[in-house]
Protein backbone atom coordinates (compact mmCIF):
# COMPACT_ATOMS: atom_id res chain seq x y z
CA MET A 1 67.49 -59.21 -9.13
CA ALA A 2 69.28 -58.09 -12.26
CA ILE A 3 67.31 -56.61 -15.08
CA PRO A 4 67.96 -58.50 -18.34
CA CYS A 5 68.41 -55.37 -20.41
CA ASP A 6 69.45 -51.75 -20.21
CA ILE A 7 67.08 -50.54 -17.50
CA ARG A 8 67.10 -47.05 -18.86
CA TYR A 9 65.02 -48.18 -21.80
CA ALA A 10 62.77 -50.61 -19.96
CA LEU A 11 61.11 -48.35 -17.42
CA ILE A 12 58.70 -46.14 -19.30
CA PRO A 13 55.32 -47.82 -19.71
CA THR A 14 53.70 -46.45 -22.81
CA GLN A 15 50.34 -48.13 -23.06
CA SER A 16 47.14 -46.18 -23.48
CA THR A 17 46.66 -43.31 -21.11
CA GLN A 18 43.31 -44.88 -20.28
CA SER A 19 44.89 -48.20 -19.28
CA SER A 20 46.14 -49.04 -15.82
CA LEU A 21 49.60 -50.26 -14.92
CA CYS A 22 49.10 -53.65 -16.47
CA ALA A 23 45.73 -52.85 -17.96
CA GLU A 24 44.54 -54.04 -14.55
CA LYS A 25 46.03 -57.43 -15.48
CA SER A 26 43.39 -57.68 -18.19
CA GLU A 27 43.81 -60.77 -20.30
CA ALA A 28 42.51 -58.90 -23.32
CA HIS A 29 45.28 -56.33 -23.09
CA VAL A 30 48.45 -57.98 -21.95
CA THR A 31 48.10 -61.68 -21.24
CA PRO A 32 47.34 -63.98 -24.18
CA THR A 33 45.08 -66.89 -23.36
CA GLU A 34 45.79 -69.06 -26.39
CA TYR A 35 48.69 -70.92 -24.74
CA SER A 36 49.73 -71.76 -21.19
CA ASP A 37 53.51 -72.24 -21.17
CA PRO A 38 55.18 -68.80 -21.00
CA GLU A 39 58.46 -70.27 -22.24
CA SER A 40 56.96 -71.68 -25.44
CA ARG A 41 56.60 -69.83 -28.71
CA PRO A 42 53.27 -67.94 -28.94
CA PRO A 43 50.93 -69.63 -31.42
CA VAL A 44 50.65 -66.48 -33.57
CA PHE A 45 54.15 -67.27 -34.85
CA LYS A 46 54.40 -70.06 -37.40
CA SER A 47 58.09 -70.72 -36.82
CA ALA A 48 61.18 -69.47 -35.02
CA GLY A 49 62.08 -67.44 -38.09
CA HIS A 50 58.66 -65.77 -38.07
CA GLU A 51 59.07 -64.87 -34.40
CA ILE A 52 62.59 -63.49 -34.82
CA ALA A 53 61.63 -61.48 -37.90
CA SER A 54 58.65 -59.92 -36.12
CA ILE A 55 60.74 -58.92 -33.11
CA LEU A 56 63.44 -57.37 -35.28
CA ILE A 57 60.91 -55.43 -37.38
CA LEU A 58 59.33 -54.01 -34.23
CA THR A 59 62.75 -53.21 -32.74
CA PHE A 60 63.22 -50.69 -35.53
CA ALA A 61 60.49 -48.67 -33.82
CA THR A 62 62.95 -47.79 -31.06
CA ILE A 63 65.85 -47.52 -33.47
CA MET A 64 63.89 -44.85 -35.36
CA ASN A 65 63.87 -42.51 -32.38
CA THR A 66 67.49 -42.54 -31.36
CA ALA A 67 68.99 -42.96 -34.83
CA SER A 68 67.05 -39.98 -36.17
CA SER A 69 68.19 -37.81 -33.29
CA ALA A 70 71.79 -39.01 -33.05
CA VAL A 71 72.50 -38.54 -36.74
CA MET A 72 71.71 -34.84 -36.45
CA GLN A 73 74.67 -34.32 -34.14
CA ILE A 74 76.89 -35.11 -37.09
CA ALA A 75 74.67 -33.60 -39.79
CA VAL A 76 73.88 -30.19 -38.27
CA PRO A 77 77.11 -28.43 -39.41
CA SER A 78 76.60 -29.69 -42.98
CA LEU A 79 72.97 -28.58 -42.91
CA GLY A 80 74.01 -25.13 -41.74
CA ARG A 81 76.46 -24.75 -44.63
CA TYR A 82 74.02 -26.16 -47.20
CA PHE A 83 71.10 -23.93 -46.22
CA GLY A 84 73.25 -20.97 -45.21
CA ILE A 85 71.76 -20.74 -41.71
CA THR A 86 73.08 -20.49 -38.16
CA GLY A 87 71.80 -20.01 -34.63
CA SER A 88 68.07 -20.20 -34.04
CA GLU A 89 67.26 -21.08 -37.66
CA LEU A 90 69.61 -24.05 -37.52
CA SER A 91 68.25 -25.18 -34.14
CA TRP A 92 64.88 -26.04 -35.66
CA SER A 93 66.43 -28.91 -37.63
CA VAL A 94 66.81 -30.65 -34.26
CA SER A 95 64.10 -29.17 -32.06
CA SER A 96 61.24 -29.73 -34.54
CA PHE A 97 61.68 -33.51 -34.27
CA SER A 98 61.77 -33.68 -30.47
CA LEU A 99 59.05 -31.04 -30.14
CA MET A 100 56.48 -32.90 -32.24
CA SER A 101 57.46 -36.27 -30.82
CA GLY A 102 57.19 -35.11 -27.23
CA ALA A 103 53.95 -33.19 -27.73
CA THR A 104 52.11 -36.18 -29.23
CA ILE A 105 53.36 -39.23 -27.30
CA LEU A 106 50.36 -39.27 -24.94
CA LEU A 107 47.95 -38.97 -27.86
CA PHE A 108 49.51 -41.81 -29.84
CA SER A 109 49.77 -44.07 -26.80
CA GLY A 110 46.01 -43.85 -26.42
CA MET A 111 45.41 -44.15 -30.15
CA ALA A 112 47.32 -47.45 -30.33
CA ASP A 113 44.77 -49.19 -28.13
CA LYS A 114 41.84 -47.59 -29.92
CA VAL A 115 42.58 -48.27 -33.60
CA GLY A 116 45.02 -51.19 -33.46
CA ARG A 117 48.70 -51.33 -32.67
CA LYS A 118 49.79 -53.02 -35.88
CA ARG A 119 47.92 -50.42 -37.92
CA LEU A 120 49.77 -47.69 -36.07
CA VAL A 121 53.18 -49.33 -36.57
CA VAL A 122 52.61 -49.81 -40.30
CA GLY A 123 51.24 -46.30 -40.67
CA ALA A 124 54.13 -44.78 -38.71
CA TYR A 125 56.75 -46.63 -40.76
CA ALA A 126 55.11 -45.49 -44.00
CA TRP A 127 54.79 -41.92 -42.68
CA PHE A 128 58.46 -41.87 -41.70
CA THR A 129 59.42 -43.15 -45.16
CA ILE A 130 57.48 -40.40 -46.93
CA TRP A 131 58.92 -37.56 -44.87
CA SER A 132 62.45 -38.95 -45.04
CA LEU A 133 62.24 -38.73 -48.82
CA ALA A 134 60.77 -35.25 -48.60
CA ALA A 135 63.62 -34.13 -46.32
CA ALA A 136 66.20 -35.46 -48.77
CA PHE A 137 64.73 -33.52 -51.70
CA THR A 138 64.06 -30.21 -49.95
CA ILE A 139 66.07 -27.12 -50.86
CA HIS A 140 64.73 -24.78 -48.16
CA HIS A 141 65.46 -25.04 -44.46
CA ILE A 142 61.88 -24.27 -43.36
CA VAL A 143 60.55 -27.14 -45.47
CA PHE A 144 63.28 -29.35 -44.01
CA ASP A 145 62.21 -28.39 -40.48
CA VAL A 146 58.61 -29.32 -41.31
CA CYS A 147 59.79 -32.69 -42.62
CA ARG A 148 61.71 -33.29 -39.41
CA GLY A 149 58.63 -32.45 -37.37
CA MET A 150 56.55 -34.90 -39.39
CA GLN A 151 59.19 -37.56 -38.76
CA GLY A 152 58.78 -36.83 -35.07
CA LEU A 153 55.12 -37.84 -35.27
CA ALA A 154 56.14 -41.29 -36.49
CA ALA A 155 58.75 -41.55 -33.75
CA ALA A 156 56.06 -40.79 -31.16
CA ALA A 157 53.65 -43.40 -32.53
CA CYS A 158 55.98 -46.37 -33.07
CA PRO A 159 57.37 -47.42 -29.67
CA SER A 160 54.10 -47.54 -27.73
CA ALA A 161 52.37 -49.48 -30.50
CA GLY A 162 55.32 -51.83 -30.99
CA VAL A 163 55.67 -52.65 -27.33
CA GLY A 164 51.90 -53.08 -27.12
CA ILE A 165 52.04 -55.81 -29.75
CA LEU A 166 54.78 -57.65 -27.89
CA GLY A 167 53.08 -57.16 -24.55
CA SER A 168 49.81 -58.63 -25.82
CA THR A 169 51.54 -61.53 -27.57
CA TYR A 170 53.77 -62.97 -24.84
CA ARG A 171 52.92 -64.29 -21.40
CA ASN A 172 55.01 -63.15 -18.43
CA GLY A 173 58.22 -65.12 -18.14
CA ARG A 174 61.84 -65.32 -19.14
CA ARG A 175 61.01 -65.59 -22.83
CA LYS A 176 59.08 -62.34 -22.68
CA ASN A 177 61.90 -60.67 -20.75
CA ARG A 178 64.38 -61.70 -23.43
CA VAL A 179 62.10 -60.36 -26.15
CA MET A 180 61.75 -57.04 -24.32
CA ALA A 181 65.52 -56.91 -23.87
CA VAL A 182 65.95 -57.14 -27.64
CA PHE A 183 63.25 -54.53 -28.24
CA ASN A 184 64.74 -52.09 -25.73
CA ALA A 185 68.24 -52.65 -27.10
CA GLY A 186 67.06 -50.80 -30.20
CA SER A 187 67.59 -47.51 -28.38
CA PRO A 188 71.35 -47.72 -27.79
CA LEU A 189 71.81 -49.54 -31.09
CA GLY A 190 69.93 -46.77 -32.90
CA ALA A 191 72.09 -44.10 -31.30
CA PHE A 192 75.27 -45.86 -32.38
CA LEU A 193 73.96 -46.49 -35.90
CA GLY A 194 72.81 -42.88 -36.18
CA ILE A 195 76.24 -41.53 -35.28
CA MET A 196 78.17 -43.86 -37.56
CA THR A 197 75.71 -43.55 -40.45
CA GLY A 198 75.94 -39.78 -40.23
CA GLY A 199 79.72 -39.84 -40.12
CA VAL A 200 80.16 -42.19 -43.08
CA THR A 201 77.48 -40.80 -45.40
CA ILE A 202 78.28 -37.13 -44.86
CA GLU A 203 82.02 -37.73 -45.09
CA TYR A 204 81.89 -39.71 -48.33
CA ILE A 205 78.56 -38.78 -49.98
CA ASN A 206 76.31 -35.97 -48.66
CA TRP A 207 73.76 -35.28 -45.93
CA GLN A 208 70.83 -36.11 -48.23
CA SER A 209 72.00 -39.72 -48.43
CA ILE A 210 71.11 -40.15 -44.76
CA PHE A 211 67.44 -39.62 -45.50
CA TYR A 212 67.54 -41.69 -48.68
CA TRP A 213 68.89 -44.53 -46.59
CA TYR A 214 66.21 -44.09 -43.92
CA ALA A 215 63.52 -44.00 -46.60
CA ILE A 216 64.74 -47.25 -48.15
CA VAL A 217 65.02 -49.06 -44.82
CA TYR A 218 61.59 -48.04 -43.54
CA ALA A 219 59.90 -48.60 -46.89
CA VAL A 220 61.08 -52.21 -46.73
CA LEU A 221 60.04 -52.45 -43.08
CA THR A 222 56.58 -51.11 -43.91
CA VAL A 223 55.98 -53.93 -46.39
CA LEU A 224 57.45 -56.55 -44.06
CA ALA A 225 55.35 -55.31 -41.14
CA VAL A 226 52.16 -55.75 -43.16
CA PHE A 227 52.85 -59.41 -43.92
CA VAL A 228 55.01 -60.55 -40.98
CA VAL A 229 54.07 -58.76 -37.76
CA PRO A 230 51.03 -60.26 -35.99
CA GLY A 231 48.17 -58.00 -34.99
CA ASP A 232 47.12 -57.72 -31.39
CA SER A 233 43.95 -59.54 -30.49
CA LEU A 234 42.19 -56.39 -29.37
CA ASN A 235 41.74 -54.32 -32.53
CA ASP A 236 43.99 -55.37 -35.40
CA ASN A 237 42.01 -58.48 -36.34
CA GLU A 238 38.74 -56.67 -36.96
CA ASN A 239 37.66 -54.67 -39.98
CA LEU A 240 37.62 -51.01 -39.10
CA SER A 241 35.45 -48.73 -41.22
CA ILE A 242 36.25 -45.06 -41.64
CA ARG A 243 33.19 -44.20 -39.57
CA GLU A 244 34.24 -46.49 -36.74
CA PHE A 245 37.79 -45.17 -36.96
CA GLY A 246 36.49 -41.63 -36.54
CA ARG A 247 34.27 -42.65 -33.64
CA ARG A 248 37.19 -44.17 -31.77
CA LEU A 249 39.36 -41.13 -32.36
CA LYS A 250 36.64 -38.96 -30.81
CA GLU A 251 37.03 -40.96 -27.61
CA LEU A 252 40.51 -39.47 -27.26
CA ASP A 253 41.20 -36.02 -25.86
CA LEU A 254 41.79 -34.46 -29.28
CA ALA A 255 41.07 -30.93 -28.06
CA GLY A 256 43.69 -31.31 -25.35
CA ALA A 257 46.18 -32.68 -27.87
CA VAL A 258 45.66 -29.73 -30.23
CA LEU A 259 45.99 -27.18 -27.43
CA SER A 260 49.17 -28.76 -26.08
CA ILE A 261 50.80 -29.02 -29.51
CA VAL A 262 49.94 -25.46 -30.53
CA GLY A 263 50.99 -24.04 -27.17
CA CYS A 264 54.32 -25.87 -27.11
CA VAL A 265 55.19 -25.00 -30.71
CA MET A 266 54.42 -21.31 -30.17
CA PHE A 267 56.44 -21.18 -26.94
CA VAL A 268 59.50 -22.81 -28.53
CA LEU A 269 59.11 -20.53 -31.56
CA ALA A 270 59.18 -17.45 -29.34
CA ALA A 271 62.25 -18.76 -27.51
CA SER A 272 64.13 -19.47 -30.73
CA GLN A 273 63.27 -16.14 -32.36
CA ALA A 274 64.22 -14.00 -29.37
CA GLY A 275 67.92 -14.25 -30.18
CA SER A 276 67.66 -13.18 -33.81
CA ALA A 277 64.95 -10.53 -33.34
CA SER A 278 66.05 -6.88 -33.39
CA HIS A 279 65.08 -6.19 -29.77
CA GLY A 280 65.25 -9.70 -28.35
CA TRP A 281 62.37 -10.66 -26.10
CA ALA A 282 61.04 -7.10 -26.31
CA THR A 283 60.44 -7.40 -30.06
CA PRO A 284 56.67 -7.02 -30.60
CA TYR A 285 56.11 -10.19 -32.64
CA VAL A 286 58.15 -12.26 -30.17
CA LEU A 287 56.09 -10.91 -27.28
CA ILE A 288 52.85 -11.62 -29.12
CA ILE A 289 53.85 -15.22 -29.83
CA LEU A 290 55.03 -15.71 -26.25
CA VAL A 291 51.86 -14.32 -24.68
CA ALA A 292 49.68 -16.28 -27.11
CA SER A 293 51.52 -19.50 -26.25
CA LEU A 294 51.01 -18.93 -22.54
CA VAL A 295 47.30 -18.29 -23.11
CA VAL A 296 46.97 -21.50 -25.14
CA LEU A 297 48.86 -23.54 -22.53
CA ALA A 298 46.72 -22.06 -19.75
CA THR A 299 43.65 -23.02 -21.76
CA PHE A 300 45.05 -26.54 -22.06
CA VAL A 301 45.40 -26.80 -18.26
CA TRP A 302 41.85 -25.50 -17.80
CA TRP A 303 40.52 -27.98 -20.36
CA GLU A 304 42.30 -30.89 -18.71
CA SER A 305 40.66 -29.98 -15.40
CA ARG A 306 37.19 -30.00 -16.99
CA THR A 307 37.13 -32.83 -19.51
CA SER A 308 36.08 -36.32 -18.46
CA ASN A 309 38.81 -38.01 -20.49
CA PRO A 310 41.92 -35.85 -19.99
CA LEU A 311 45.13 -36.36 -21.90
CA MET A 312 47.03 -35.35 -18.75
CA PRO A 313 45.10 -35.76 -15.47
CA LEU A 314 46.21 -32.84 -13.31
CA LYS A 315 46.04 -34.79 -10.06
CA ILE A 316 49.20 -36.64 -11.07
CA TRP A 317 51.15 -33.47 -10.33
CA GLN A 318 50.00 -33.71 -6.70
CA ALA A 319 51.87 -36.97 -6.19
CA ARG A 320 54.70 -36.85 -3.68
CA GLY A 321 57.80 -35.37 -5.29
CA PHE A 322 56.49 -35.75 -8.84
CA ALA A 323 56.44 -32.06 -9.78
CA MET A 324 59.93 -31.36 -8.40
CA VAL A 325 61.39 -34.41 -10.13
CA MET A 326 59.84 -33.32 -13.43
CA LEU A 327 61.32 -29.84 -12.92
CA THR A 328 64.71 -31.44 -12.34
CA VAL A 329 64.30 -33.46 -15.54
CA LEU A 330 63.33 -30.29 -17.42
CA PHE A 331 66.51 -28.40 -16.51
CA SER A 332 68.68 -31.50 -16.79
CA TRP A 333 67.59 -32.26 -20.34
CA MET A 334 67.74 -28.62 -21.38
CA CYS A 335 71.42 -28.93 -20.48
CA PHE A 336 72.17 -32.40 -21.86
CA THR A 337 70.05 -32.70 -25.00
CA GLY A 338 69.34 -29.03 -25.60
CA VAL A 339 72.91 -27.74 -25.35
CA LEU A 340 75.65 -30.33 -24.97
CA ASN A 341 74.49 -32.82 -27.58
CA PHE A 342 73.62 -30.08 -30.07
CA TYR A 343 76.63 -27.77 -29.76
CA VAL A 344 79.35 -30.34 -29.17
CA GLY A 345 78.93 -31.61 -32.74
CA LEU A 346 79.08 -28.04 -34.04
CA TYR A 347 82.15 -27.36 -31.92
CA PHE A 348 83.98 -30.40 -33.25
CA GLN A 349 83.40 -29.54 -36.91
CA ASN A 350 83.22 -25.73 -36.99
CA VAL A 351 85.83 -24.87 -34.35
CA ILE A 352 88.25 -27.78 -34.13
CA GLY A 353 87.88 -28.57 -37.83
CA ALA A 354 87.07 -32.25 -37.42
CA SER A 355 85.53 -34.10 -40.34
CA PRO A 356 82.09 -35.72 -39.99
CA MET A 357 83.72 -39.12 -39.59
CA GLN A 358 86.12 -37.83 -36.95
CA SER A 359 83.20 -36.27 -35.09
CA ALA A 360 81.39 -39.59 -35.11
CA ILE A 361 84.44 -41.31 -33.64
CA TYR A 362 84.72 -38.60 -30.97
CA PHE A 363 81.20 -39.50 -29.82
CA VAL A 364 81.85 -43.25 -29.52
CA PRO A 365 83.10 -43.01 -25.89
CA GLN A 366 79.69 -41.63 -24.97
CA THR A 367 78.13 -44.89 -26.14
CA VAL A 368 80.62 -47.01 -24.21
CA THR A 369 80.28 -44.92 -21.05
CA SER A 370 76.51 -45.21 -21.16
CA ALA A 371 76.67 -49.00 -21.49
CA VAL A 372 78.92 -49.21 -18.43
CA THR A 373 76.90 -46.69 -16.44
CA VAL A 374 73.53 -48.40 -16.82
CA ASN A 375 74.97 -51.70 -15.63
CA ILE A 376 76.38 -49.99 -12.54
CA ILE A 377 73.00 -48.34 -11.97
CA ALA A 378 71.25 -51.71 -12.20
CA ALA A 379 73.40 -52.98 -9.33
CA THR A 380 73.19 -49.89 -7.09
CA LEU A 381 69.87 -48.16 -7.75
CA HIS A 382 68.01 -50.14 -5.08
CA ARG A 383 70.71 -49.50 -2.45
CA ALA A 384 71.62 -45.81 -2.70
CA PRO A 385 69.30 -42.94 -1.68
CA GLY A 386 67.44 -41.67 -4.72
CA ARG A 387 67.87 -38.00 -3.88
CA LEU A 388 71.63 -38.45 -3.51
CA LEU A 389 71.85 -40.13 -6.91
CA LEU A 390 69.72 -37.43 -8.50
CA VAL A 391 71.92 -34.66 -7.08
CA LEU A 392 75.05 -36.54 -8.16
CA SER A 393 73.72 -36.81 -11.70
CA GLN A 394 73.29 -33.05 -11.91
CA PHE A 395 76.83 -32.43 -10.65
CA CYS A 396 78.00 -34.65 -13.52
CA ASN A 397 76.11 -32.38 -15.92
CA LEU A 398 77.57 -29.31 -14.24
CA ALA A 399 81.13 -30.65 -14.49
CA ALA A 400 80.65 -31.49 -18.18
CA SER A 401 79.19 -28.05 -18.91
CA LEU A 402 82.05 -26.29 -17.12
CA LEU A 403 84.63 -28.31 -19.05
CA TRP A 404 83.08 -27.21 -22.35
CA SER A 405 82.70 -23.60 -21.19
CA LEU A 406 86.37 -23.30 -20.16
CA MET A 407 87.89 -25.39 -22.96
CA PRO A 408 90.68 -23.68 -24.97
CA ILE A 409 90.53 -24.25 -28.71
CA GLU A 410 93.92 -25.91 -28.98
CA VAL A 411 93.54 -28.29 -26.04
CA SER A 412 93.74 -32.03 -26.67
CA TYR A 413 90.51 -33.98 -27.12
CA PHE A 414 91.60 -36.36 -24.37
CA ALA A 415 92.28 -33.57 -21.87
CA MET A 416 88.82 -32.00 -21.65
CA ALA A 417 86.42 -33.07 -24.41
CA LEU A 418 86.60 -36.79 -23.62
CA PRO A 419 85.88 -36.47 -19.87
CA ALA A 420 83.14 -33.93 -20.62
CA ILE A 421 81.44 -36.33 -23.03
CA CYS A 422 81.64 -39.20 -20.53
CA LEU A 423 80.43 -37.11 -17.58
CA SER A 424 77.44 -35.76 -19.48
CA VAL A 425 76.08 -39.19 -20.42
CA MET A 426 76.78 -40.53 -16.92
CA GLY A 427 74.64 -37.75 -15.50
CA ALA A 428 71.91 -38.30 -18.07
CA ASP A 429 71.70 -42.06 -17.49
CA LEU A 430 71.69 -41.67 -13.73
CA ALA A 431 69.06 -38.93 -13.70
CA PHE A 432 66.85 -40.78 -16.17
CA ASN A 433 66.72 -43.98 -14.15
CA VAL A 434 66.23 -42.35 -10.76
CA ALA A 435 63.48 -40.04 -12.04
CA ASN A 436 61.82 -42.86 -13.95
CA MET A 437 61.81 -45.22 -10.98
CA HIS A 438 60.41 -42.46 -8.79
CA THR A 439 57.67 -41.84 -11.35
CA LEU A 440 56.64 -45.49 -11.19
CA SER A 441 56.67 -45.60 -7.39
CA THR A 442 54.89 -42.32 -6.66
CA VAL A 443 51.58 -42.61 -8.47
CA SER A 444 48.89 -45.24 -8.17
CA ALA A 445 48.84 -48.24 -10.47
CA LYS A 446 46.03 -46.86 -12.61
CA GLU A 447 47.99 -43.64 -13.25
CA GLN A 448 51.43 -45.07 -14.03
CA SER A 449 51.05 -45.19 -17.80
CA THR A 450 49.98 -41.56 -17.93
CA ALA A 451 52.68 -40.46 -15.48
CA ALA A 452 55.33 -42.17 -17.57
CA GLY A 453 53.94 -40.49 -20.68
CA ILE A 454 54.22 -37.11 -18.96
CA PHE A 455 57.80 -37.94 -18.03
CA TYR A 456 58.58 -38.77 -21.65
CA THR A 457 56.89 -35.56 -22.83
CA VAL A 458 58.86 -33.37 -20.42
CA ASP A 459 62.03 -35.13 -21.53
CA HIS A 460 61.44 -34.31 -25.19
CA LEU A 461 60.14 -30.79 -24.75
CA ALA A 462 63.08 -29.93 -22.49
CA GLY A 463 65.51 -30.83 -25.25
CA SER A 464 63.60 -28.74 -27.78
CA LEU A 465 63.38 -25.77 -25.42
CA GLY A 466 67.06 -26.04 -24.50
CA VAL A 467 68.12 -25.99 -28.15
CA SER A 468 65.95 -22.93 -28.84
CA LEU A 469 67.08 -20.90 -25.82
CA SER A 470 70.77 -21.74 -26.22
CA SER A 471 70.57 -20.88 -29.92
CA SER A 472 69.17 -17.50 -28.97
CA VAL A 473 72.22 -16.97 -26.76
CA VAL A 474 74.56 -17.90 -29.62
CA SER A 475 72.70 -15.62 -32.05
CA ILE A 476 72.98 -12.66 -29.66
CA ILE A 477 76.73 -13.17 -29.23
CA LEU A 478 77.31 -13.46 -32.98
CA ARG A 479 75.19 -10.36 -33.61
CA ASN A 480 77.20 -8.41 -31.03
CA GLN A 481 80.38 -9.44 -32.81
CA MET A 482 79.02 -8.13 -36.10
CA GLU A 483 77.95 -4.87 -34.49
CA ALA A 484 81.47 -4.51 -33.08
CA GLY A 485 82.85 -4.45 -36.62
CA VAL A 486 83.67 -8.11 -37.24
CA SER A 487 83.01 -8.76 -40.93
CA VAL A 488 83.83 -12.47 -40.97
CA VAL A 489 83.22 -14.78 -38.04
CA THR A 490 86.41 -16.64 -37.21
CA ARG A 491 86.64 -19.95 -35.40
CA GLU A 492 87.60 -17.97 -32.29
CA GLY A 493 84.38 -16.01 -32.68
CA LEU A 494 82.39 -19.21 -33.10
CA ALA A 495 84.08 -20.72 -30.06
CA SER A 496 83.11 -17.65 -28.05
CA ALA A 497 79.49 -17.95 -29.21
CA TYR A 498 79.34 -21.66 -28.47
CA ASN A 499 80.84 -20.99 -25.04
CA GLY A 500 77.83 -18.77 -24.40
CA ALA A 501 75.60 -21.80 -25.02
CA PHE A 502 77.76 -23.92 -22.72
CA TRP A 503 77.48 -21.30 -19.96
CA PHE A 504 73.73 -21.48 -20.45
CA ALA A 505 74.08 -25.22 -19.84
CA VAL A 506 75.94 -24.41 -16.62
CA GLY A 507 72.96 -22.32 -15.53
CA CYS A 508 70.55 -25.15 -16.35
CA SER A 509 72.70 -27.60 -14.39
CA CYS A 510 72.74 -25.32 -11.35
CA ALA A 511 68.95 -24.98 -11.51
CA ALA A 512 68.65 -28.77 -11.76
CA ILE A 513 70.92 -29.20 -8.72
CA VAL A 514 68.72 -26.88 -6.66
CA CYS A 515 65.56 -28.72 -7.74
CA SER A 516 67.08 -32.14 -7.08
CA CYS A 517 68.04 -31.11 -3.54
CA PHE A 518 64.37 -30.50 -2.76
CA ALA A 519 63.04 -33.53 -4.64
CA LYS A 520 61.40 -36.06 -2.33
CA VAL A 521 62.93 -39.21 -3.75
CA GLY A 522 63.38 -42.34 -1.64
CA THR A 523 65.51 -45.40 -2.24
CA CYS A 524 64.33 -47.25 -5.32
CA GLY A 525 63.79 -50.85 -4.28
CA GLY A 526 64.85 -50.32 -0.71
CA HIS A 527 62.76 -50.94 2.37
CA SER A 528 62.67 -47.51 3.96
CA SER A 529 59.28 -46.47 5.20
CA ASP A 530 59.99 -43.11 3.68
CA ALA A 531 59.54 -44.68 0.28
CA GLU A 532 56.05 -45.92 1.05
CA LEU A 533 53.56 -43.51 -0.41
CA LEU A 534 49.85 -42.94 -0.24
CA PHE A 535 48.24 -41.53 -3.35
CA ASP A 536 44.59 -41.33 -4.28
CA GLY A 537 43.63 -43.97 -1.76
CA ASP A 538 46.12 -46.53 -3.07
CA VAL A 539 49.14 -47.61 -1.08
CA VAL A 540 52.16 -47.70 -3.33
CA GLY A 541 55.15 -49.34 -1.71
CA ASP A 542 58.78 -49.43 -2.64
CA VAL A 543 59.59 -50.07 -6.24
CA ASP A 544 61.82 -53.10 -6.39
CA VAL A 545 64.03 -53.71 -9.37
CA ALA A 546 62.35 -57.08 -9.86
CA ASP A 547 58.97 -55.36 -9.92
CA VAL A 548 60.22 -52.99 -12.55
CA GLU A 549 61.39 -55.94 -14.59
CA GLU A 550 57.86 -57.31 -14.52
CA THR A 551 56.38 -53.90 -15.28
CA SER A 552 58.72 -53.37 -18.19
CA SER A 553 57.94 -56.80 -19.58
CA LEU A 554 54.22 -56.18 -19.33
CA LEU A 555 54.15 -52.63 -20.61
CA GLY A 556 57.48 -52.43 -22.29
CA GLY A 557 59.80 -49.49 -22.55
CA ASP A 558 60.00 -46.54 -24.82
CA ALA A 559 63.03 -45.32 -26.61
CA VAL A 560 63.98 -41.85 -25.47
CA VAL A 561 64.50 -39.71 -28.49
CA GLY A 562 67.39 -37.47 -28.54
CA TYR A 563 71.03 -38.44 -28.32
CA LYS A 564 70.70 -39.00 -24.61
CA SER A 565 69.69 -42.53 -25.54
CA VAL A 566 73.21 -43.72 -26.35
CA ALA A 567 74.25 -46.83 -24.49
């Protein structure tokens, strides 16, 4: 059965970490009781215009993620020149967004069901507006990085809350599937808009205009959301005092959230500083930050094993093949998001000399390739062995990384850059869908929301870590050039440094290939007994594409931030 939308964006359930797969089919959570015909308009909408407007406003929750990430591929070179930064310092303009978004997605997914989904959407839109304006006015790169991180918080909060509103408004049926298709289409649309907006505004105005534009759009959406978007029946229609708000927040694993955020930020900081520090990883302050981050993360794991309401239940990692698949995703996205998407834009503008608009056009084939790939995946995912597809996806990443690593400066775009761009997104789309389907089929129903949240977190943190580590490689190469007597870095010198990052991507791809070979992944939607799993007393059978369609319509999908979301 064909999925009515890009399956890549319809597979991650992002409801509360305390909810089950479909909130145990709870009427209060996902199935409205005010009307019986699933093909009729829900009574919360006064007219067709009201319904359409609400859906479009909520779709900008997914657009926020991918547009904010995609635009940086075009903007990073201009930011580097404006702030006078390179290497690890420049990497934070990208990694801060994905780091904060990935580290808080589980927290915000739970918060949406506690304090009200509409409240969270409105608050996230307003928050994004404020920090977009702040980013446009900043004159220091550290302040800009902080603004990007704060934007990442909004990007983490929006999709789960938005899809929760739609999930609790519509009954299961074709109408709901069409609505979810529109909502999930915000991801590829956002990626395309981010690329083109970045190209046009930077080419003809300046990089600040990007954030002015975002601030205007989301300020308008904030006001519209207040008056147009319906609240969910669970929390939004009740008055919530400050005291009650605080009480509900205490029900969440706030200690676990703080430990995970602090640990992840410190680890990425150590990775990014190693390249620019005088003695690399052996530099005292880098070692101190690294050790401290490991201690904090170890404390987080200990806390999750002791608390009664964990942010990340550790038993999920015992599910068949889950840990190895997550490790594959980690290395895969370190390659794709952390290196290729970040340094390709720099290569186009700083080495080849392309303008921002030309760079945007160079990335368009990635969008087209992704759209074709996900439709092929929809037709073949339930027939081909999952492990084979996962391994194939990593060979696509490896081929793309090798093309960039071996690319001469004067070679035609169509000879090597174009196939590399297409191969990288083919590998990303394929890996994402296989890993995501496996995540849904491996754990019990009551753990699927949390497992999907972990998947999303690994996805984001991998991109942030990949940017930081590859930037350290580039910084070391550039420093060695300076120590060798080079006074001015030429485009050949930059190409050599960027090639170092691309070779790092080759290493990540090879590691992902090894992990994928050992990943226990069955056929998604097939009927092999090998795919039938037993976990925590619950029999979890094959995941059929039709079942995923129902799951995605009930729990929705989440936009995957980072430019990997092009379609």
